[in-house]
Amino acid sequence: MTDIQISRRAALMMGGLPVLLALPAQAQTAAAKAPEFPGQAHTIKLGAFEVTTLLGGESMREDPIATFGIGVDPAEFERVSAENFIPADRSGSSFTLTLVKTPDALVLFDAGMTPENNKASLAAAGYAPGDVTHLVLTHMHPDHITGLMAGGARNFPNAQLIFPKVENDHWAANPSEAYTANVAPLVEGARQIADGDEVLPGIRAEAAYGHTPGHTTYLLESDGQKLLITGDSFNHYVYSVEHPEWHVRFDIDKDAGAAARAKVLARLASERIPCIGYHMPFPALGFIAPAGQGSYRYVPATYQFAG
């Protein structure tokens, strides 16, 4: 997901200096006095893996129907919002990176937007950017890759970059500013993967094309336990889960995005495996339950992973 409109509070959470510079002087003064980004990390055990979600930032956007319900009857959108106790005129979002410690590696999924936020949440988990051994991308929208580089230097200097080849092929032919600045300089040394490839032992790539041409989810499996990192398969915990058929503005191919969304949700519901969604409410860990024909509901994880 990209093209983010953020509030002043969200700008602080995201470390958004460029945004703050555009605010009135009074707001800049208030922002300057605000505390640093409070890094947050949430860790569970998954077999022999240690899986940690890292808060990379938060945002608030107006007019969510224009993002999550293209062409939907406004009355229907308001009804769904009211039934789920959320306003129909604005929506909040988290940006959550996933860190997986395996017996042999420390793997980060996606790079977020703001290096300072990434560093703070990594520190909350007991790590530093230099500890990451592999950095795996779900796709190459700006909010997933802008944290790769800063001032021409790698923010994760010891990590091998891994991404889907079909995704890179698309952006290499249609480069965004974020791709040119953050991915293009690293392509030569990166590992490019395909659907079904084993990224590392216990981590497998699974295509979920549509949001972008190479959007990929990753299945973790250790000691018989599974978890799916879903990236941007569904970007809102109500609208895109309850109504996967609704078109989403950030899906490059709207129909393929809706089909992939429905397929991922159906698989999660039928297999009853947990998932981590990049834009789900932090700590972004939960389950998908059926809620009628072609409809689902997001169930946040609570104490299922304790002990």
C-alpha atoms as a PDB file:
ATOM      1  CA  MET A   1       0.000   0.000   0.000  1.00  0.00           C
ATOM      2  CA  THR A   2       1.267   3.486  -0.811  1.00  0.00           C
ATOM      3  CA  ASP A   3       0.195   7.127  -1.278  1.00  0.00           C
ATOM      4  CA  ILE A   4      -0.267   7.602   2.481  1.00  0.00           C
ATOM      5  CA  GLN A   5      -1.994  10.576   4.069  1.00  0.00           C
ATOM      6  CA  ILE A   6      -0.914  10.962   7.676  1.00  0.00           C
ATOM      7  CA  SER A   7      -1.917  12.961  10.707  1.00  0.00           C
ATOM      8  CA  ARG A   8       0.535  14.977  12.807  1.00  0.00           C
ATOM      9  CA  ARG A   9       0.561  12.220  15.407  1.00  0.00           C
ATOM     10  CA  ALA A  10       1.148   9.634  12.709  1.00  0.00           C
ATOM     11  CA  ALA A  11       3.987  11.709  11.289  1.00  0.00           C
ATOM     12  CA  LEU A  12       5.689  11.545  14.651  1.00  0.00           C
ATOM     13  CA  MET A  13       5.077   7.824  14.904  1.00  0.00           C
ATOM     14  CA  MET A  14       6.561   7.354  11.457  1.00  0.00           C
ATOM     15  CA  GLY A  15       9.532   9.626  12.044  1.00  0.00           C
ATOM     16  CA  GLY A  16       8.188  11.714   9.172  1.00  0.00           C
ATOM     17  CA  LEU A  17      10.535  14.708   9.119  1.00  0.00           C
ATOM     18  CA  PRO A  18       9.749  15.616   5.484  1.00  0.00           C
ATOM     19  CA  VAL A  19       6.058  15.718   6.381  1.00  0.00           C
ATOM     20  CA  LEU A  20       6.648  17.776   9.504  1.00  0.00           C
ATOM     21  CA  LEU A  21       8.640  20.346   7.583  1.00  0.00           C
ATOM     22  CA  ALA A  22       5.515  21.048   5.557  1.00  0.00           C
ATOM     23  CA  LEU A  23       3.434  21.752   8.664  1.00  0.00           C
ATOM     24  CA  PRO A  24       2.873  25.211  10.141  1.00  0.00           C
ATOM     25  CA  ALA A  25       5.639  26.527  12.391  1.00  0.00           C
ATOM     26  CA  GLN A  26       3.512  26.045  15.510  1.00  0.00           C
ATOM     27  CA  ALA A  27       2.987  22.389  14.649  1.00  0.00           C
ATOM     28  CA  GLN A  28       6.695  21.934  13.980  1.00  0.00           C
ATOM     29  CA  THR A  29       7.494  23.362  17.403  1.00  0.00           C
ATOM     30  CA  ALA A  30       5.062  20.979  19.068  1.00  0.00           C
ATOM     31  CA  ALA A  31       6.480  18.078  17.084  1.00  0.00           C
ATOM     32  CA  ALA A  32      10.026  18.974  18.076  1.00  0.00           C
ATOM     33  CA  LYS A  33       9.055  18.625  21.734  1.00  0.00           C
ATOM     34  CA  ALA A  34       7.389  15.256  21.210  1.00  0.00           C
ATOM     35  CA  PRO A  35       9.112  12.106  22.449  1.00  0.00           C
ATOM     36  CA  GLU A  36      11.016   9.849  20.091  1.00  0.00           C
ATOM     37  CA  PHE A  37       9.225   7.023  18.340  1.00  0.00           C
ATOM     38  CA  PRO A  38       8.393   4.364  20.959  1.00  0.00           C
ATOM     39  CA  GLY A  39       9.685   1.169  19.390  1.00  0.00           C
ATOM     40  CA  GLN A  40       7.349  -1.780  19.864  1.00  0.00           C
ATOM     41  CA  ALA A  41       7.943  -5.491  19.420  1.00  0.00           C
ATOM     42  CA  HIS A  42       5.765  -8.545  20.035  1.00  0.00           C
ATOM     43  CA  THR A  43       7.315 -12.020  20.110  1.00  0.00           C
ATOM     44  CA  ILE A  44       5.859 -15.524  19.926  1.00  0.00           C
ATOM     45  CA  LYS A  45       7.338 -19.005  19.592  1.00  0.00           C
ATOM     46  CA  LEU A  46       6.534 -21.017  16.475  1.00  0.00           C
ATOM     47  CA  GLY A  47       8.167 -24.390  16.886  1.00  0.00           C
ATOM     48  CA  ALA A  48      11.916 -23.743  16.824  1.00  0.00           C
ATOM     49  CA  PHE A  49      11.333 -20.256  15.380  1.00  0.00           C
ATOM     50  CA  GLU A  50      10.997 -17.014  17.290  1.00  0.00           C
ATOM     51  CA  VAL A  51       8.636 -14.680  15.414  1.00  0.00           C
ATOM     52  CA  THR A  52       8.570 -10.988  16.299  1.00  0.00           C
ATOM     53  CA  THR A  53       6.376  -8.264  14.844  1.00  0.00           C
ATOM     54  CA  LEU A  54       7.973  -4.810  14.775  1.00  0.00           C
ATOM     55  CA  LEU A  55       5.959  -1.595  14.606  1.00  0.00           C
ATOM     56  CA  GLY A  56       7.337   0.551  11.806  1.00  0.00           C
ATOM     57  CA  GLY A  57       4.753   3.337  12.051  1.00  0.00           C
ATOM     58  CA  GLU A  58       1.073   4.234  11.988  1.00  0.00           C
ATOM     59  CA  SER A  59      -1.144   6.416   9.837  1.00  0.00           C
ATOM     60  CA  MET A  60      -4.665   7.797   9.683  1.00  0.00           C
ATOM     61  CA  ARG A  61      -6.393   8.352   6.351  1.00  0.00           C
ATOM     62  CA  GLU A  62      -9.639  10.074   5.384  1.00  0.00           C
ATOM     63  CA  ASP A  63     -12.270   8.814   2.940  1.00  0.00           C
ATOM     64  CA  PRO A  64     -11.529   5.079   3.293  1.00  0.00           C
ATOM     65  CA  ILE A  65     -14.212   4.114   0.761  1.00  0.00           C
ATOM     66  CA  ALA A  66     -11.971   5.595  -1.932  1.00  0.00           C
ATOM     67  CA  THR A  67      -9.218   3.189  -0.865  1.00  0.00           C
ATOM     68  CA  PHE A  68     -10.937   0.010   0.288  1.00  0.00           C
ATOM     69  CA  GLY A  69     -14.351   0.139  -1.414  1.00  0.00           C
ATOM     70  CA  ILE A  70     -14.015   1.450  -4.953  1.00  0.00           C
ATOM     71  CA  GLY A  71     -17.478   1.506  -6.532  1.00  0.00           C
ATOM     72  CA  VAL A  72     -19.234   0.344  -3.364  1.00  0.00           C
ATOM     73  CA  ASP A  73     -22.568   1.946  -2.454  1.00  0.00           C
ATOM     74  CA  PRO A  74     -21.752   4.537   0.262  1.00  0.00           C
ATOM     75  CA  ALA A  75     -24.740   3.368   2.291  1.00  0.00           C
ATOM     76  CA  GLU A  76     -23.380  -0.188   2.245  1.00  0.00           C
ATOM     77  CA  PHE A  77     -19.928   1.041   3.243  1.00  0.00           C
ATOM     78  CA  GLU A  78     -21.412   3.009   6.142  1.00  0.00           C
ATOM     79  CA  ARG A  79     -23.451  -0.020   7.232  1.00  0.00           C
ATOM     80  CA  VAL A  80     -20.382  -2.283   7.301  1.00  0.00           C
ATOM     81  CA  SER A  81     -18.423   0.367   9.187  1.00  0.00           C
ATOM     82  CA  ALA A  82     -21.158   0.877  11.791  1.00  0.00           C
ATOM     83  CA  GLU A  83     -21.605  -2.856  12.330  1.00  0.00           C
ATOM     84  CA  ASN A  84     -17.887  -3.091  13.126  1.00  0.00           C
ATOM     85  CA  PHE A  85     -17.795  -0.016  15.389  1.00  0.00           C
ATOM     86  CA  ILE A  86     -15.486   1.986  13.120  1.00  0.00           C
ATOM     87  CA  PRO A  87     -16.076   5.381  11.474  1.00  0.00           C
ATOM     88  CA  ALA A  88     -16.812   5.446   7.760  1.00  0.00           C
ATOM     89  CA  ASP A  89     -14.931   8.697   7.175  1.00  0.00           C
ATOM     90  CA  ARG A  90     -11.445   7.681   8.314  1.00  0.00           C
ATOM     91  CA  SER A  91      -9.322   4.596   8.843  1.00  0.00           C
ATOM     92  CA  GLY A  92      -6.147   3.819  10.750  1.00  0.00           C
ATOM     93  CA  SER A  93      -3.319   1.575   9.684  1.00  0.00           C
ATOM     94  CA  SER A  94      -0.186   0.051  11.132  1.00  0.00           C
ATOM     95  CA  PHE A  95       3.013  -0.735   9.239  1.00  0.00           C
ATOM     96  CA  THR A  96       4.415  -3.943  10.655  1.00  0.00           C
ATOM     97  CA  LEU A  97       7.662  -5.665   9.793  1.00  0.00           C
ATOM     98  CA  THR A  98       8.178  -9.305  10.758  1.00  0.00           C
ATOM     99  CA  LEU A  99      11.418 -10.658  12.203  1.00  0.00           C
ATOM    100  CA  VAL A 100      11.983 -14.415  12.274  1.00  0.00           C
ATOM    101  CA  LYS A 101      14.807 -15.972  14.243  1.00  0.00           C
ATOM    102  CA  THR A 102      15.542 -19.466  12.968  1.00  0.00           C
ATOM    103  CA  PRO A 103      18.249 -21.767  14.313  1.00  0.00           C
ATOM    104  CA  ASP A 104      20.614 -20.391  11.656  1.00  0.00           C
ATOM    105  CA  ALA A 105      19.404 -16.941  10.585  1.00  0.00           C
ATOM    106  CA  LEU A 106      17.680 -13.693  11.545  1.00  0.00           C
ATOM    107  CA  VAL A 107      15.235 -12.902   8.758  1.00  0.00           C
ATOM    108  CA  LEU A 108      13.395  -9.591   8.323  1.00  0.00           C
ATOM    109  CA  PHE A 109      10.333  -9.420   6.090  1.00  0.00           C
ATOM    110  CA  ASP A 110       9.975  -6.000   4.424  1.00  0.00           C
ATOM    111  CA  ALA A 111      11.950  -2.870   5.257  1.00  0.00           C
ATOM    112  CA  GLY A 112       9.247  -0.359   6.161  1.00  0.00           C
ATOM    113  CA  MET A 113       9.592   3.354   5.531  1.00  0.00           C
ATOM    114  CA  THR A 114      11.488   4.910   8.389  1.00  0.00           C
ATOM    115  CA  PRO A 115      14.926   3.651   9.469  1.00  0.00           C
ATOM    116  CA  GLU A 116      14.691   5.331  12.880  1.00  0.00           C
ATOM    117  CA  ASN A 117      11.432   3.528  13.638  1.00  0.00           C
ATOM    118  CA  ASN A 118      12.823   0.215  12.446  1.00  0.00           C
ATOM    119  CA  LYS A 119      15.871   0.652  14.648  1.00  0.00           C
ATOM    120  CA  ALA A 120      13.759   1.530  17.692  1.00  0.00           C
ATOM    121  CA  SER A 121      11.499  -1.500  17.324  1.00  0.00           C
ATOM    122  CA  LEU A 122      14.428  -3.793  16.603  1.00  0.00           C
ATOM    123  CA  ALA A 123      16.035  -2.505  19.805  1.00  0.00           C
ATOM    124  CA  ALA A 124      12.808  -3.256  21.682  1.00  0.00           C
ATOM    125  CA  ALA A 125      13.222  -6.845  20.477  1.00  0.00           C
ATOM    126  CA  GLY A 126      16.878  -6.923  21.505  1.00  0.00           C
ATOM    127  CA  TYR A 127      18.446  -6.523  18.060  1.00  0.00           C
ATOM    128  CA  ALA A 128      20.160  -3.978  15.827  1.00  0.00           C
ATOM    129  CA  PRO A 129      19.912  -3.569  12.029  1.00  0.00           C
ATOM    130  CA  GLY A 130      23.335  -5.150  11.609  1.00  0.00           C
ATOM    131  CA  ASP A 131      22.080  -8.378  13.188  1.00  0.00           C
ATOM    132  CA  VAL A 132      19.695  -9.113  10.316  1.00  0.00           C
ATOM    133  CA  THR A 133      21.125 -11.810   8.031  1.00  0.00           C
ATOM    134  CA  HIS A 134      18.387 -11.914   5.360  1.00  0.00           C
ATOM    135  CA  LEU A 135      15.848  -9.300   4.253  1.00  0.00           C
ATOM    136  CA  VAL A 136      12.894 -10.675   2.292  1.00  0.00           C
ATOM    137  CA  LEU A 137      10.404  -8.480   0.417  1.00  0.00           C
ATOM    138  CA  THR A 138       6.731  -9.272  -0.086  1.00  0.00           C
ATOM    139  CA  HIS A 139       6.556  -6.597  -2.808  1.00  0.00           C
ATOM    140  CA  MET A 140       8.040  -3.244  -3.753  1.00  0.00           C
ATOM    141  CA  HIS A 141       5.527  -0.547  -2.854  1.00  0.00           C
ATOM    142  CA  PRO A 142       7.292   2.405  -1.164  1.00  0.00           C
ATOM    143  CA  ASP A 143       6.040   1.605   2.349  1.00  0.00           C
ATOM    144  CA  HIS A 144       7.814  -1.759   2.138  1.00  0.00           C
ATOM    145  CA  ILE A 145      11.165  -0.704   0.646  1.00  0.00           C
ATOM    146  CA  THR A 146      11.967   2.890   1.646  1.00  0.00           C
ATOM    147  CA  GLY A 147      13.698   1.656   4.800  1.00  0.00           C
ATOM    148  CA  LEU A 148      16.287  -0.258   2.794  1.00  0.00           C
ATOM    149  CA  MET A 149      18.588   2.700   2.140  1.00  0.00           C
ATOM    150  CA  ALA A 150      19.480   6.089   3.614  1.00  0.00           C
ATOM    151  CA  GLY A 151      21.878   8.548   2.024  1.00  0.00           C
ATOM    152  CA  GLY A 152      23.086   5.899  -0.378  1.00  0.00           C
ATOM    153  CA  ALA A 153      23.987   3.490   2.440  1.00  0.00           C
ATOM    154  CA  ARG A 154      22.320   0.201   3.313  1.00  0.00           C
ATOM    155  CA  ASN A 155      20.339   0.267   6.540  1.00  0.00           C
ATOM    156  CA  PHE A 156      20.767  -3.491   6.978  1.00  0.00           C
ATOM    157  CA  PRO A 157      24.426  -3.815   6.003  1.00  0.00           C
ATOM    158  CA  ASN A 158      24.837  -7.537   6.659  1.00  0.00           C
ATOM    159  CA  ALA A 159      21.558  -8.774   5.196  1.00  0.00           C
ATOM    160  CA  GLN A 160      21.197 -10.605   1.915  1.00  0.00           C
ATOM    161  CA  LEU A 161      18.299  -9.035   0.008  1.00  0.00           C
ATOM    162  CA  ILE A 162      15.746 -11.547  -1.320  1.00  0.00           C
ATOM    163  CA  PHE A 163      12.719 -10.739  -3.477  1.00  0.00           C
ATOM    164  CA  PRO A 164      10.417 -12.259  -6.123  1.00  0.00           C
ATOM    165  CA  LYS A 165      11.934 -12.017  -9.604  1.00  0.00           C
ATOM    166  CA  VAL A 166       8.597 -11.237 -11.258  1.00  0.00           C
ATOM    167  CA  GLU A 167       8.127  -8.322  -8.857  1.00  0.00           C
ATOM    168  CA  ASN A 168      11.542  -6.886  -9.605  1.00  0.00           C
ATOM    169  CA  ASP A 169      11.019  -7.342 -13.334  1.00  0.00           C
ATOM    170  CA  HIS A 170       7.897  -5.176 -13.149  1.00  0.00           C
ATOM    171  CA  TRP A 171       9.480  -2.328 -11.202  1.00  0.00           C
ATOM    172  CA  ALA A 172      12.697  -2.425 -13.209  1.00  0.00           C
ATOM    173  CA  ALA A 173      10.570  -1.801 -16.300  1.00  0.00           C
ATOM    174  CA  ASN A 174       8.286   0.707 -14.533  1.00  0.00           C
ATOM    175  CA  PRO A 175      10.517   2.239 -11.834  1.00  0.00           C
ATOM    176  CA  SER A 176       9.085   4.298  -9.014  1.00  0.00           C
ATOM    177  CA  GLU A 177      11.245   6.802  -7.146  1.00  0.00           C
ATOM    178  CA  ALA A 178      11.320   4.427  -4.184  1.00  0.00           C
ATOM    179  CA  TYR A 179      12.472   1.527  -6.355  1.00  0.00           C
ATOM    180  CA  THR A 180      15.190   3.582  -8.043  1.00  0.00           C
ATOM    181  CA  ALA A 181      16.541   4.855  -4.728  1.00  0.00           C
ATOM    182  CA  ASN A 182      16.240   1.735  -2.609  1.00  0.00           C
ATOM    183  CA  VAL A 183      16.109  -1.466  -4.653  1.00  0.00           C
ATOM    184  CA  ALA A 184      17.916  -0.768  -7.920  1.00  0.00           C
ATOM    185  CA  PRO A 185      21.304  -0.209  -6.209  1.00  0.00           C
ATOM    186  CA  LEU A 186      20.993  -3.612  -4.492  1.00  0.00           C
ATOM    187  CA  VAL A 187      19.712  -5.796  -7.323  1.00  0.00           C
ATOM    188  CA  GLU A 188      23.108  -7.075  -8.436  1.00  0.00           C
ATOM    189  CA  GLY A 189      23.832  -8.734  -5.113  1.00  0.00           C
ATOM    190  CA  ALA A 190      20.272  -9.839  -4.389  1.00  0.00           C
ATOM    191  CA  ARG A 191      18.738 -13.288  -4.623  1.00  0.00           C
ATOM    192  CA  GLN A 192      15.683 -13.424  -6.873  1.00  0.00           C
ATOM    193  CA  ILE A 193      13.121 -16.124  -6.120  1.00  0.00           C
ATOM    194  CA  ALA A 194      10.027 -17.678  -7.702  1.00  0.00           C
ATOM    195  CA  ASP A 195       6.703 -19.019  -6.467  1.00  0.00           C
ATOM    196  CA  GLY A 196       7.232 -22.136  -4.371  1.00  0.00           C
ATOM    197  CA  ASP A 197      10.913 -21.543  -3.686  1.00  0.00           C
ATOM    198  CA  GLU A 198      12.299 -22.354  -0.262  1.00  0.00           C
ATOM    199  CA  VAL A 199      13.807 -19.078   0.924  1.00  0.00           C
ATOM    200  CA  LEU A 200      15.465 -20.721   3.928  1.00  0.00           C
ATOM    201  CA  PRO A 201      14.659 -23.979   5.731  1.00  0.00           C
ATOM    202  CA  GLY A 202      11.076 -23.640   6.983  1.00  0.00           C
ATOM    203  CA  ILE A 203      10.294 -20.527   4.910  1.00  0.00           C
ATOM    204  CA  ARG A 204       8.553 -20.907   1.535  1.00  0.00           C
ATOM    205  CA  ALA A 205       7.425 -18.287  -1.006  1.00  0.00           C
ATOM    206  CA  GLU A 206       3.803 -18.471  -2.171  1.00  0.00           C
ATOM    207  CA  ALA A 207       2.511 -16.246  -4.974  1.00  0.00           C
ATOM    208  CA  ALA A 208      -0.407 -13.912  -4.241  1.00  0.00           C
ATOM    209  CA  TYR A 209      -0.187 -11.774  -7.354  1.00  0.00           C
ATOM    210  CA  GLY A 210      -2.543  -8.849  -7.963  1.00  0.00           C
ATOM    211  CA  HIS A 211      -1.763  -6.222  -5.380  1.00  0.00           C
ATOM    212  CA  THR A 212       1.437  -5.973  -7.405  1.00  0.00           C
ATOM    213  CA  PRO A 213       2.556  -8.262 -10.243  1.00  0.00           C
ATOM    214  CA  GLY A 214       4.863 -10.239  -7.957  1.00  0.00           C
ATOM    215  CA  HIS A 215       3.249  -9.801  -4.541  1.00  0.00           C
ATOM    216  CA  THR A 216       4.290 -12.833  -2.482  1.00  0.00           C
ATOM    217  CA  THR A 217       3.314 -14.321   0.860  1.00  0.00           C
ATOM    218  CA  TYR A 218       5.636 -16.487   2.954  1.00  0.00           C
ATOM    219  CA  LEU A 219       4.713 -19.648   4.815  1.00  0.00           C
ATOM    220  CA  LEU A 220       6.659 -20.366   7.985  1.00  0.00           C
ATOM    221  CA  GLU A 221       6.701 -23.952   9.234  1.00  0.00           C
ATOM    222  CA  SER A 222       8.620 -25.313  12.213  1.00  0.00           C
ATOM    223  CA  ASP A 223       8.017 -28.458  14.240  1.00  0.00           C
ATOM    224  CA  GLY A 224       4.615 -28.872  12.617  1.00  0.00           C
ATOM    225  CA  GLN A 225       3.469 -25.332  13.402  1.00  0.00           C
ATOM    226  CA  LYS A 226       2.599 -22.914  10.593  1.00  0.00           C
ATOM    227  CA  LEU A 227       2.154 -19.167  10.149  1.00  0.00           C
ATOM    228  CA  LEU A 228       1.566 -17.168   6.969  1.00  0.00           C
ATOM    229  CA  ILE A 229       3.119 -13.729   6.427  1.00  0.00           C
ATOM    230  CA  THR A 230       0.470 -12.210   4.161  1.00  0.00           C
ATOM    231  CA  GLY A 231       2.037  -8.865   3.213  1.00  0.00           C
ATOM    232  CA  ASP A 232      -0.678  -6.707   1.628  1.00  0.00           C
ATOM    233  CA  SER A 233      -3.001  -9.529   0.617  1.00  0.00           C
ATOM    234  CA  PHE A 234      -5.666  -7.744   2.676  1.00  0.00           C
ATOM    235  CA  ASN A 235      -5.025  -4.211   3.824  1.00  0.00           C
ATOM    236  CA  HIS A 236      -7.893  -3.520   6.217  1.00  0.00           C
ATOM    237  CA  TYR A 237      -9.018  -5.852   8.981  1.00  0.00           C
ATOM    238  CA  VAL A 238     -12.711  -5.186   8.263  1.00  0.00           C
ATOM    239  CA  TYR A 239     -13.298  -3.994   4.712  1.00  0.00           C
ATOM    240  CA  SER A 240     -10.851  -6.267   2.881  1.00  0.00           C
ATOM    241  CA  VAL A 241     -11.551  -9.284   5.099  1.00  0.00           C
ATOM    242  CA  GLU A 242     -15.326  -9.102   5.283  1.00  0.00           C
ATOM    243  CA  HIS A 243     -15.557  -8.115   1.620  1.00  0.00           C
ATOM    244  CA  PRO A 244     -12.533  -9.438  -0.271  1.00  0.00           C
ATOM    245  CA  GLU A 245     -14.373  -8.749  -3.539  1.00  0.00           C
ATOM    246  CA  TRP A 246     -14.275  -4.977  -2.950  1.00  0.00           C
ATOM    247  CA  HIS A 247     -11.674  -3.326  -5.136  1.00  0.00           C
ATOM    248  CA  VAL A 248      -8.733  -1.650  -3.419  1.00  0.00           C
ATOM    249  CA  ARG A 249      -7.090   1.466  -4.823  1.00  0.00           C
ATOM    250  CA  PHE A 250      -3.539   0.229  -4.305  1.00  0.00           C
ATOM    251  CA  ASP A 251      -4.041  -3.080  -6.108  1.00  0.00           C
ATOM    252  CA  ILE A 252      -2.324  -2.664  -9.468  1.00  0.00           C
ATOM    253  CA  ASP A 253      -4.640  -5.300 -10.955  1.00  0.00           C
ATOM    254  CA  LYS A 254      -7.952  -4.834  -9.131  1.00  0.00           C
ATOM    255  CA  ASP A 255      -9.575  -8.101 -10.234  1.00  0.00           C
ATOM    256  CA  ALA A 256      -6.454 -10.193  -9.625  1.00  0.00           C
ATOM    257  CA  GLY A 257      -5.979  -8.503  -6.259  1.00  0.00           C
ATOM    258  CA  ALA A 258      -9.521  -9.404  -5.209  1.00  0.00           C
ATOM    259  CA  ALA A 259      -9.085 -13.000  -6.404  1.00  0.00           C
ATOM    260  CA  ALA A 260      -5.779 -13.393  -4.561  1.00  0.00           C
ATOM    261  CA  ARG A 261      -7.283 -11.848  -1.440  1.00  0.00           C
ATOM    262  CA  ALA A 262     -10.191 -14.300  -1.485  1.00  0.00           C
ATOM    263  CA  LYS A 263      -7.857 -17.240  -2.041  1.00  0.00           C
ATOM    264  CA  VAL A 264      -5.520 -16.307   0.821  1.00  0.00           C
ATOM    265  CA  LEU A 265      -8.408 -15.666   3.206  1.00  0.00           C
ATOM    266  CA  ALA A 266     -10.112 -18.956   2.317  1.00  0.00           C
ATOM    267  CA  ARG A 267      -6.874 -20.857   2.869  1.00  0.00           C
ATOM    268  CA  LEU A 268      -6.280 -19.218   6.268  1.00  0.00           C
ATOM    269  CA  ALA A 269      -9.843 -19.909   7.376  1.00  0.00           C
ATOM    270  CA  SER A 270      -9.866 -23.534   6.220  1.00  0.00           C
ATOM    271  CA  GLU A 271      -6.426 -24.411   7.591  1.00  0.00           C
ATOM    272  CA  ARG A 272      -6.925 -22.347  10.759  1.00  0.00           C
ATOM    273  CA  ILE A 273      -3.343 -21.135  10.733  1.00  0.00           C
ATOM    274  CA  PRO A 274      -2.262 -17.776  12.176  1.00  0.00           C
ATOM    275  CA  CYS A 275      -1.185 -14.916   9.988  1.00  0.00           C
ATOM    276  CA  ILE A 276       0.699 -11.633  10.165  1.00  0.00           C
ATOM    277  CA  GLY A 277      -0.608  -8.842   7.933  1.00  0.00           C
ATOM    278  CA  TYR A 278       1.525  -5.781   7.252  1.00  0.00           C
ATOM    279  CA  HIS A 279      -1.360  -3.351   7.778  1.00  0.00           C
ATOM    280  CA  MET A 280      -3.344  -5.201  10.428  1.00  0.00           C
ATOM    281  CA  PRO A 281      -3.714  -3.498  13.837  1.00  0.00           C
ATOM    282  CA  PHE A 282      -0.432  -3.943  15.696  1.00  0.00           C
ATOM    283  CA  PRO A 283       0.838  -6.450  16.750  1.00  0.00           C
ATOM    284  CA  ALA A 284      -0.698  -7.548  13.430  1.00  0.00           C
ATOM    285  CA  LEU A 285      -0.980 -11.196  14.471  1.00  0.00           C
ATOM    286  CA  GLY A 286      -4.284 -13.011  14.220  1.00  0.00           C
ATOM    287  CA  PHE A 287      -6.533 -15.564  12.586  1.00  0.00           C
ATOM    288  CA  ILE A 288      -9.136 -15.553   9.842  1.00  0.00           C
ATOM    289  CA  ALA A 289     -12.545 -17.079  10.556  1.00  0.00           C
ATOM    290  CA  PRO A 290     -15.394 -17.716   8.089  1.00  0.00           C
ATOM    291  CA  ALA A 291     -18.327 -15.301   8.330  1.00  0.00           C
ATOM    292  CA  GLY A 292     -20.696 -16.384   5.587  1.00  0.00           C
ATOM    293  CA  GLN A 293     -20.335 -17.195   1.924  1.00  0.00           C
ATOM    294  CA  GLY A 294     -17.138 -15.569   0.648  1.00  0.00           C
ATOM    295  CA  SER A 295     -16.861 -13.422   3.768  1.00  0.00           C
ATOM    296  CA  TYR A 296     -14.458 -13.614   6.703  1.00  0.00           C
ATOM    297  CA  ARG A 297     -13.573 -11.907   9.952  1.00  0.00           C
ATOM    298  CA  TYR A 298     -10.232 -11.052  11.488  1.00  0.00           C
ATOM    299  CA  VAL A 299      -9.639 -12.439  14.984  1.00  0.00           C
ATOM    300  CA  PRO A 300      -6.684 -10.789  16.775  1.00  0.00           C
ATOM    301  CA  ALA A 301      -4.414 -13.190  18.603  1.00  0.00           C
ATOM    302  CA  THR A 302      -4.464 -12.898  22.389  1.00  0.00           C
ATOM    303  CA  TYR A 303      -2.911 -15.631  24.565  1.00  0.00           C
ATOM    304  CA  GLN A 304      -2.907 -18.527  22.070  1.00  0.00           C
ATOM    305  CA  PHE A 305       0.881 -18.476  21.879  1.00  0.00           C
ATOM    306  CA  ALA A 306       1.621 -18.107  25.595  1.00  0.00           C
ATOM    307  CA  GLY A 307       3.700 -20.747  27.338  1.00  0.00           C
END
